[in-house]
């Protein structure tokens, strides 16, 4: 997505960007956390203690 926004700035549909950022990204957070905890338990444990 970054490449499209950077190189196609004038053809970007900002409504789509907003919807992805506000709807799709929050839906992905639990999945990313699950995978990171499963693949990198030591790092995830340290991050959980910090935050």
C-alpha atoms as a PDB file:
ATOM      1  CA  UNK A   1       0.000   0.000   0.000  1.00  0.00           C
ATOM      2  CA  UNK A   2       2.833   2.357   0.802  1.00  0.00           C
ATOM      3  CA  UNK A   3       4.246   2.079  -2.704  1.00  0.00           C
ATOM      4  CA  UNK A   4       0.873   2.920  -4.253  1.00  0.00           C
ATOM      5  CA  UNK A   5       0.390   5.962  -2.038  1.00  0.00           C
ATOM      6  CA  UNK A   6       3.909   7.268  -2.557  1.00  0.00           C
ATOM      7  CA  UNK A   7       4.093   6.774  -6.311  1.00  0.00           C
ATOM      8  CA  UNK A   8       0.461   7.286  -7.256  1.00  0.00           C
ATOM      9  CA  UNK A   9      -0.362  10.159  -4.933  1.00  0.00           C
ATOM     10  CA  UNK A  10      -2.808  11.893  -7.262  1.00  0.00           C
ATOM     11  CA  UNK A  11      -4.694   8.704  -8.080  1.00  0.00           C
ATOM     12  CA  UNK A  12      -5.092   7.542  -4.470  1.00  0.00           C
ATOM     13  CA  UNK A  13      -8.641   7.181  -3.202  1.00  0.00           C
ATOM     14  CA  UNK A  14      -8.213   8.589   0.296  1.00  0.00           C
ATOM     15  CA  UNK A  15     -11.555   7.142   1.424  1.00  0.00           C
ATOM     16  CA  UNK A  16     -10.130   3.683   0.846  1.00  0.00           C
ATOM     17  CA  UNK A  17      -6.948   4.564   2.731  1.00  0.00           C
ATOM     18  CA  UNK A  18      -9.013   5.897   5.640  1.00  0.00           C
ATOM     19  CA  UNK A  19     -11.228   2.805   5.709  1.00  0.00           C
ATOM     20  CA  UNK A  20      -8.234   0.478   5.681  1.00  0.00           C
ATOM     21  CA  UNK A  21      -6.555   2.417   8.499  1.00  0.00           C
ATOM     22  CA  UNK A  22      -9.650   2.652  10.684  1.00  0.00           C
ATOM     23  CA  UNK A  23     -11.378  -0.659   9.972  1.00  0.00           C
ATOM     24  CA  UNK A  24      -9.000  -3.253   8.541  1.00  0.00           C
ATOM     25  CA  UNK A  25      -5.894  -2.512  10.583  1.00  0.00           C
ATOM     26  CA  UNK A  26      -7.670  -2.787  13.968  1.00  0.00           C
ATOM     27  CA  UNK A  27      -9.183  -6.108  12.837  1.00  0.00           C
ATOM     28  CA  UNK A  28      -5.686  -7.401  12.058  1.00  0.00           C
ATOM     29  CA  UNK A  29      -4.190  -6.457  15.436  1.00  0.00           C
ATOM     30  CA  UNK A  30      -5.343  -9.567  17.354  1.00  0.00           C
ATOM     31  CA  UNK A  31      -4.078 -11.817  14.565  1.00  0.00           C
ATOM     32  CA  UNK A  32      -0.684 -10.120  14.480  1.00  0.00           C
ATOM     33  CA  UNK A  33      -0.383 -10.344  18.266  1.00  0.00           C
ATOM     34  CA  UNK A  34      -1.303 -14.028  18.213  1.00  0.00           C
ATOM     35  CA  UNK A  35       1.289 -14.808  15.555  1.00  0.00           C
ATOM     36  CA  UNK A  36       4.023 -12.758  17.186  1.00  0.00           C
ATOM     37  CA  UNK A  37       3.410 -14.404  20.560  1.00  0.00           C
ATOM     38  CA  UNK A  38       3.518 -17.823  18.946  1.00  0.00           C
ATOM     39  CA  UNK A  39       6.580 -17.228  16.781  1.00  0.00           C
ATOM     40  CA  UNK A  40       8.551 -14.960  19.132  1.00  0.00           C
ATOM     41  CA  UNK A  41       7.419 -15.699  22.706  1.00  0.00           C
ATOM     42  CA  UNK A  42      10.497 -14.198  24.395  1.00  0.00           C
ATOM     43  CA  UNK A  43      10.199 -10.886  22.569  1.00  0.00           C
ATOM     44  CA  UNK A  44       6.437 -10.757  23.064  1.00  0.00           C
ATOM     45  CA  UNK A  45       6.812 -11.384  26.800  1.00  0.00           C
ATOM     46  CA  UNK A  46       9.254  -8.488  27.097  1.00  0.00           C
ATOM     47  CA  UNK A  47       6.956  -6.186  25.125  1.00  0.00           C
ATOM     48  CA  UNK A  48       3.971  -7.207  27.274  1.00  0.00           C
ATOM     49  CA  UNK A  49       5.939  -6.290  30.414  1.00  0.00           C
ATOM     50  CA  UNK A  50       6.816  -2.849  29.019  1.00  0.00           C
ATOM     51  CA  UNK A  51       3.377  -1.821  27.901  1.00  0.00           C
END
